Amino acid sequence: MNQKKKYKLRKNAEFRVVYKKGKSFSNKFLVLYIKRNGMGINRIGISVSKKVGKSVVRSRVKRLIYESYRLNNSNLKQGYDLIVIARTTCKEQSFSVIEKSLINLYKKAGLIN
């Protein structure tokens, strides 16, 4: 089995469980939902709606969010499902702004070691 698949939330049912039973934290650019998964690893799902922009813009935003997660995952507490939702305000932002925004949400959620 591909190693990456273990670390990403892909199915609609997985997203719904986190939305329903998880806690949410938000700021100007992003919304973060977290829920314990009891697996000992973090899994991430990223949601960018069509309101953010066309497919090229949405893909760029997803890449920026995933990369900032990847670089900071080692500093996070493990065993959570995370869903990051991009708000329309993040479409013209640089990587550093997205990363600071995500770190801010991690701090609000108490995920940083």
N, C-alpha and C. Protein backbone atom coordinates (compact mmCIF):
# COMPACT_ATOMS: atom_id res chain seq x y z
N MET A 1 0.85 -1.20 0.00
CA MET A 1 0.00 0.00 0.00
C MET A 1 0.88 1.24 0.00
N ASN A 2 0.46 2.22 -0.72
CA ASN A 2 1.19 3.48 -0.80
C ASN A 2 1.24 4.16 0.57
N GLN A 3 2.43 4.56 1.01
CA GLN A 3 2.59 5.17 2.33
C GLN A 3 1.81 6.47 2.48
N LYS A 4 1.72 7.27 1.42
CA LYS A 4 1.05 8.56 1.52
C LYS A 4 -0.43 8.43 1.88
N LYS A 5 -1.08 7.39 1.38
CA LYS A 5 -2.52 7.25 1.59
C LYS A 5 -2.88 7.18 3.06
N LYS A 6 -1.99 6.62 3.88
CA LYS A 6 -2.26 6.51 5.30
C LYS A 6 -2.37 7.87 5.96
N TYR A 7 -1.69 8.85 5.40
CA TYR A 7 -1.58 10.14 6.07
C TYR A 7 -2.55 11.19 5.55
N LYS A 8 -3.41 10.82 4.61
CA LYS A 8 -4.36 11.79 4.09
C LYS A 8 -5.78 11.28 4.28
N LEU A 9 -6.67 12.21 4.58
CA LEU A 9 -8.10 11.91 4.61
C LEU A 9 -8.60 12.14 3.19
N ARG A 10 -9.26 11.16 2.63
CA ARG A 10 -9.72 11.29 1.26
C ARG A 10 -11.22 11.05 1.12
N LYS A 11 -11.77 10.16 1.93
CA LYS A 11 -13.18 9.79 1.76
C LYS A 11 -14.11 10.79 2.43
N ASN A 12 -15.25 10.99 1.79
CA ASN A 12 -16.27 11.90 2.30
C ASN A 12 -16.68 11.51 3.73
N ALA A 13 -16.80 10.22 3.99
CA ALA A 13 -17.21 9.74 5.32
C ALA A 13 -16.20 10.14 6.38
N GLU A 14 -14.90 10.08 6.05
CA GLU A 14 -13.85 10.48 7.00
C GLU A 14 -13.96 11.97 7.31
N PHE A 15 -14.21 12.76 6.30
CA PHE A 15 -14.38 14.20 6.50
C PHE A 15 -15.59 14.48 7.39
N ARG A 16 -16.71 13.80 7.11
CA ARG A 16 -17.94 14.03 7.87
C ARG A 16 -17.77 13.74 9.35
N VAL A 17 -17.03 12.67 9.68
CA VAL A 17 -16.81 12.31 11.09
C VAL A 17 -16.06 13.44 11.81
N VAL A 18 -15.02 13.97 11.16
CA VAL A 18 -14.23 15.04 11.77
C VAL A 18 -15.08 16.31 11.91
N TYR A 19 -15.88 16.63 10.89
CA TYR A 19 -16.74 17.81 10.98
C TYR A 19 -17.74 17.67 12.12
N LYS A 20 -18.33 16.48 12.26
CA LYS A 20 -19.39 16.26 13.23
C LYS A 20 -18.87 16.18 14.66
N LYS A 21 -17.78 15.46 14.87
CA LYS A 21 -17.31 15.17 16.23
C LYS A 21 -16.08 15.96 16.64
N GLY A 22 -15.47 16.69 15.69
CA GLY A 22 -14.24 17.41 16.00
C GLY A 22 -14.49 18.83 16.49
N LYS A 23 -13.39 19.49 16.86
CA LYS A 23 -13.45 20.89 17.27
C LYS A 23 -12.92 21.75 16.13
N SER A 24 -13.41 23.00 16.06
CA SER A 24 -12.93 23.87 14.98
C SER A 24 -12.27 25.11 15.55
N PHE A 25 -11.29 25.58 14.80
CA PHE A 25 -10.55 26.79 15.13
C PHE A 25 -10.40 27.56 13.82
N SER A 26 -10.47 28.89 13.89
CA SER A 26 -10.39 29.63 12.62
C SER A 26 -9.65 30.94 12.79
N ASN A 27 -9.17 31.44 11.67
CA ASN A 27 -8.61 32.78 11.59
C ASN A 27 -8.98 33.37 10.23
N LYS A 28 -8.33 34.43 9.86
CA LYS A 28 -8.70 35.17 8.65
C LYS A 28 -8.60 34.33 7.36
N PHE A 29 -7.63 33.41 7.30
CA PHE A 29 -7.36 32.70 6.05
C PHE A 29 -7.82 31.24 6.04
N LEU A 30 -7.82 30.58 7.21
CA LEU A 30 -8.06 29.14 7.25
C LEU A 30 -9.00 28.75 8.39
N VAL A 31 -9.60 27.58 8.26
CA VAL A 31 -10.38 26.96 9.34
C VAL A 31 -9.76 25.59 9.56
N LEU A 32 -9.56 25.22 10.83
CA LEU A 32 -8.97 23.92 11.16
C LEU A 32 -9.94 23.13 12.02
N TYR A 33 -10.26 21.91 11.58
CA TYR A 33 -11.04 20.98 12.39
C TYR A 33 -10.08 19.90 12.88
N ILE A 34 -10.16 19.55 14.18
CA ILE A 34 -9.32 18.46 14.68
C ILE A 34 -10.17 17.46 15.45
N LYS A 35 -9.75 16.20 15.38
CA LYS A 35 -10.39 15.13 16.14
C LYS A 35 -9.35 14.05 16.38
N ARG A 36 -9.32 13.52 17.60
CA ARG A 36 -8.40 12.41 17.90
C ARG A 36 -8.77 11.21 17.04
N ASN A 37 -7.74 10.49 16.54
CA ASN A 37 -8.03 9.30 15.73
C ASN A 37 -7.53 8.01 16.37
N GLY A 38 -6.72 8.10 17.44
CA GLY A 38 -6.25 6.91 18.13
C GLY A 38 -5.31 6.03 17.32
N MET A 39 -4.71 6.59 16.27
CA MET A 39 -3.82 5.81 15.41
C MET A 39 -2.34 6.09 15.68
N GLY A 40 -2.05 7.14 16.43
CA GLY A 40 -0.65 7.47 16.69
C GLY A 40 0.02 8.28 15.58
N ILE A 41 -0.73 8.58 14.52
CA ILE A 41 -0.22 9.42 13.44
C ILE A 41 -1.24 10.50 13.13
N ASN A 42 -0.78 11.58 12.53
CA ASN A 42 -1.70 12.62 12.08
C ASN A 42 -2.09 12.33 10.64
N ARG A 43 -3.37 12.57 10.34
CA ARG A 43 -3.85 12.50 8.95
C ARG A 43 -4.45 13.85 8.62
N ILE A 44 -4.23 14.30 7.39
CA ILE A 44 -4.72 15.63 7.00
C ILE A 44 -5.63 15.53 5.79
N GLY A 45 -6.65 16.36 5.81
CA GLY A 45 -7.52 16.54 4.65
C GLY A 45 -7.58 18.03 4.37
N ILE A 46 -7.57 18.39 3.10
CA ILE A 46 -7.60 19.81 2.73
C ILE A 46 -8.80 20.04 1.83
N SER A 47 -9.56 21.08 2.16
CA SER A 47 -10.75 21.41 1.40
C SER A 47 -10.66 22.85 0.90
N VAL A 48 -10.76 23.00 -0.41
CA VAL A 48 -10.73 24.34 -1.02
C VAL A 48 -11.92 24.41 -1.97
N SER A 49 -12.90 25.26 -1.66
CA SER A 49 -14.12 25.31 -2.47
C SER A 49 -13.90 26.10 -3.76
N LYS A 50 -14.86 25.99 -4.64
CA LYS A 50 -14.78 26.70 -5.92
C LYS A 50 -14.88 28.21 -5.75
N LYS A 51 -15.36 28.66 -4.59
CA LYS A 51 -15.42 30.10 -4.33
C LYS A 51 -14.03 30.72 -4.27
N VAL A 52 -13.03 29.89 -3.93
CA VAL A 52 -11.65 30.39 -3.81
C VAL A 52 -11.11 30.78 -5.18
N GLY A 53 -11.46 30.02 -6.21
CA GLY A 53 -10.98 30.34 -7.54
C GLY A 53 -11.08 29.15 -8.47
N LYS A 54 -10.51 29.29 -9.66
CA LYS A 54 -10.51 28.20 -10.62
C LYS A 54 -9.53 27.13 -10.17
N SER A 55 -9.48 26.02 -10.92
CA SER A 55 -8.73 24.85 -10.47
C SER A 55 -7.24 25.13 -10.24
N VAL A 56 -6.65 25.98 -11.05
CA VAL A 56 -5.23 26.30 -10.88
C VAL A 56 -4.99 26.98 -9.53
N VAL A 57 -5.86 27.91 -9.19
CA VAL A 57 -5.74 28.64 -7.92
C VAL A 57 -5.98 27.70 -6.74
N ARG A 58 -7.02 26.87 -6.85
CA ARG A 58 -7.33 25.92 -5.77
C ARG A 58 -6.19 24.94 -5.55
N SER A 59 -5.61 24.46 -6.63
CA SER A 59 -4.49 23.52 -6.52
C SER A 59 -3.28 24.18 -5.85
N ARG A 60 -3.02 25.42 -6.20
CA ARG A 60 -1.91 26.15 -5.59
C ARG A 60 -2.12 26.30 -4.09
N VAL A 61 -3.33 26.68 -3.70
CA VAL A 61 -3.65 26.84 -2.28
C VAL A 61 -3.48 25.51 -1.55
N LYS A 62 -3.96 24.42 -2.16
CA LYS A 62 -3.80 23.09 -1.54
C LYS A 62 -2.33 22.73 -1.37
N ARG A 63 -1.53 23.01 -2.39
CA ARG A 63 -0.09 22.70 -2.31
C ARG A 63 0.57 23.50 -1.19
N LEU A 64 0.23 24.78 -1.07
CA LEU A 64 0.81 25.62 -0.02
C LEU A 64 0.43 25.10 1.37
N ILE A 65 -0.84 24.74 1.54
CA ILE A 65 -1.31 24.23 2.84
C ILE A 65 -0.61 22.91 3.16
N TYR A 66 -0.57 22.01 2.18
CA TYR A 66 0.04 20.70 2.44
C TYR A 66 1.53 20.84 2.76
N GLU A 67 2.22 21.70 2.05
CA GLU A 67 3.65 21.89 2.29
C GLU A 67 3.90 22.48 3.67
N SER A 68 3.10 23.44 4.09
CA SER A 68 3.31 24.01 5.43
C SER A 68 2.98 22.98 6.51
N TYR A 69 2.00 22.10 6.25
CA TYR A 69 1.71 21.00 7.17
C TYR A 69 2.91 20.05 7.24
N ARG A 70 3.44 19.69 6.08
CA ARG A 70 4.55 18.73 6.00
C ARG A 70 5.77 19.23 6.76
N LEU A 71 6.07 20.53 6.61
CA LEU A 71 7.25 21.09 7.26
C LEU A 71 7.09 21.20 8.78
N ASN A 72 5.85 21.32 9.26
CA ASN A 72 5.62 21.52 10.69
C ASN A 72 5.06 20.29 11.41
N ASN A 73 4.80 19.21 10.68
CA ASN A 73 4.18 18.02 11.29
C ASN A 73 5.02 17.43 12.41
N SER A 74 6.34 17.52 12.31
CA SER A 74 7.21 16.93 13.33
C SER A 74 7.07 17.66 14.68
N ASN A 75 6.59 18.91 14.67
CA ASN A 75 6.41 19.68 15.90
C ASN A 75 5.03 19.48 16.53
N LEU A 76 4.16 18.72 15.87
CA LEU A 76 2.78 18.58 16.33
C LEU A 76 2.60 17.32 17.18
N LYS A 77 1.62 17.38 18.08
CA LYS A 77 1.20 16.18 18.80
C LYS A 77 0.61 15.22 17.77
N GLN A 78 0.86 13.93 17.98
CA GLN A 78 0.41 12.93 17.01
C GLN A 78 -0.91 12.29 17.46
N GLY A 79 -1.61 11.68 16.51
CA GLY A 79 -2.85 10.97 16.81
C GLY A 79 -4.11 11.78 16.53
N TYR A 80 -4.04 12.68 15.56
CA TYR A 80 -5.19 13.53 15.24
C TYR A 80 -5.52 13.46 13.75
N ASP A 81 -6.81 13.61 13.46
CA ASP A 81 -7.25 13.87 12.09
C ASP A 81 -7.44 15.38 11.99
N LEU A 82 -6.84 15.98 10.99
CA LEU A 82 -6.92 17.43 10.79
C LEU A 82 -7.59 17.70 9.44
N ILE A 83 -8.48 18.66 9.43
CA ILE A 83 -9.04 19.12 8.15
C ILE A 83 -8.80 20.62 8.09
N VAL A 84 -8.17 21.06 7.02
CA VAL A 84 -7.91 22.48 6.81
C VAL A 84 -8.80 22.95 5.68
N ILE A 85 -9.57 23.99 5.95
CA ILE A 85 -10.46 24.57 4.94
C ILE A 85 -9.93 25.96 4.59
N ALA A 86 -9.71 26.19 3.32
CA ALA A 86 -9.20 27.48 2.86
C ALA A 86 -10.34 28.46 2.68
N ARG A 87 -10.17 29.65 3.20
CA ARG A 87 -11.15 30.71 2.96
C ARG A 87 -10.77 31.47 1.70
N THR A 88 -11.72 32.21 1.16
CA THR A 88 -11.47 32.93 -0.10
C THR A 88 -10.33 33.94 0.02
N THR A 89 -10.08 34.44 1.23
CA THR A 89 -9.03 35.45 1.43
C THR A 89 -7.62 34.90 1.21
N CYS A 90 -7.45 33.58 1.19
CA CYS A 90 -6.09 33.03 1.10
C CYS A 90 -5.60 32.82 -0.34
N LYS A 91 -6.44 33.14 -1.34
CA LYS A 91 -6.03 32.81 -2.71
C LYS A 91 -4.85 33.61 -3.23
N GLU A 92 -4.66 34.84 -2.76
CA GLU A 92 -3.53 35.64 -3.26
C GLU A 92 -2.38 35.71 -2.28
N GLN A 93 -2.40 34.86 -1.23
CA GLN A 93 -1.39 34.95 -0.18
C GLN A 93 -0.15 34.14 -0.52
N SER A 94 0.98 34.56 0.07
CA SER A 94 2.24 33.86 -0.13
C SER A 94 2.31 32.65 0.80
N PHE A 95 3.32 31.81 0.57
CA PHE A 95 3.52 30.63 1.41
C PHE A 95 3.72 31.02 2.87
N SER A 96 4.50 32.05 3.13
CA SER A 96 4.80 32.42 4.52
C SER A 96 3.54 32.85 5.27
N VAL A 97 2.63 33.53 4.59
CA VAL A 97 1.37 33.95 5.23
C VAL A 97 0.52 32.73 5.57
N ILE A 98 0.41 31.79 4.62
CA ILE A 98 -0.37 30.57 4.84
C ILE A 98 0.25 29.76 6.00
N GLU A 99 1.57 29.65 6.00
CA GLU A 99 2.25 28.89 7.04
C GLU A 99 2.02 29.51 8.42
N LYS A 100 2.16 30.84 8.52
CA LYS A 100 1.92 31.52 9.80
C LYS A 100 0.49 31.33 10.26
N SER A 101 -0.44 31.38 9.33
CA SER A 101 -1.85 31.20 9.63
C SER A 101 -2.11 29.79 10.17
N LEU A 102 -1.50 28.78 9.55
CA LEU A 102 -1.68 27.40 9.99
C LEU A 102 -1.04 27.17 11.35
N ILE A 103 0.14 27.73 11.58
CA ILE A 103 0.81 27.60 12.88
C ILE A 103 -0.04 28.27 13.97
N ASN A 104 -0.64 29.41 13.65
CA ASN A 104 -1.53 30.10 14.58
C ASN A 104 -2.69 29.18 14.99
N LEU A 105 -3.25 28.46 14.02
CA LEU A 105 -4.36 27.54 14.32
C LEU A 105 -3.88 26.36 15.15
N TYR A 106 -2.68 25.85 14.87
CA TYR A 106 -2.13 24.76 15.68
C TYR A 106 -1.99 25.20 17.14
N LYS A 107 -1.53 26.43 17.34
CA LYS A 107 -1.38 26.95 18.70
C LYS A 107 -2.74 27.07 19.39
N LYS A 108 -3.73 27.61 18.67
CA LYS A 108 -5.09 27.74 19.23
C LYS A 108 -5.63 26.39 19.65
N ALA A 109 -5.33 25.35 18.83
CA ALA A 109 -5.85 24.01 19.09
C ALA A 109 -5.03 23.25 20.13
N GLY A 110 -3.88 23.81 20.51
CA GLY A 110 -3.01 23.13 21.47
C GLY A 110 -2.29 21.93 20.90
N LEU A 111 -2.00 21.97 19.59
CA LEU A 111 -1.35 20.83 18.93
C LEU A 111 0.17 20.90 18.93
N ILE A 112 0.73 22.07 19.19
CA ILE A 112 2.20 22.20 19.12
C ILE A 112 2.82 21.67 20.40
N ASN A 113 3.83 20.82 20.25
CA ASN A 113 4.52 20.24 21.42
C ASN A 113 5.30 21.30 22.18
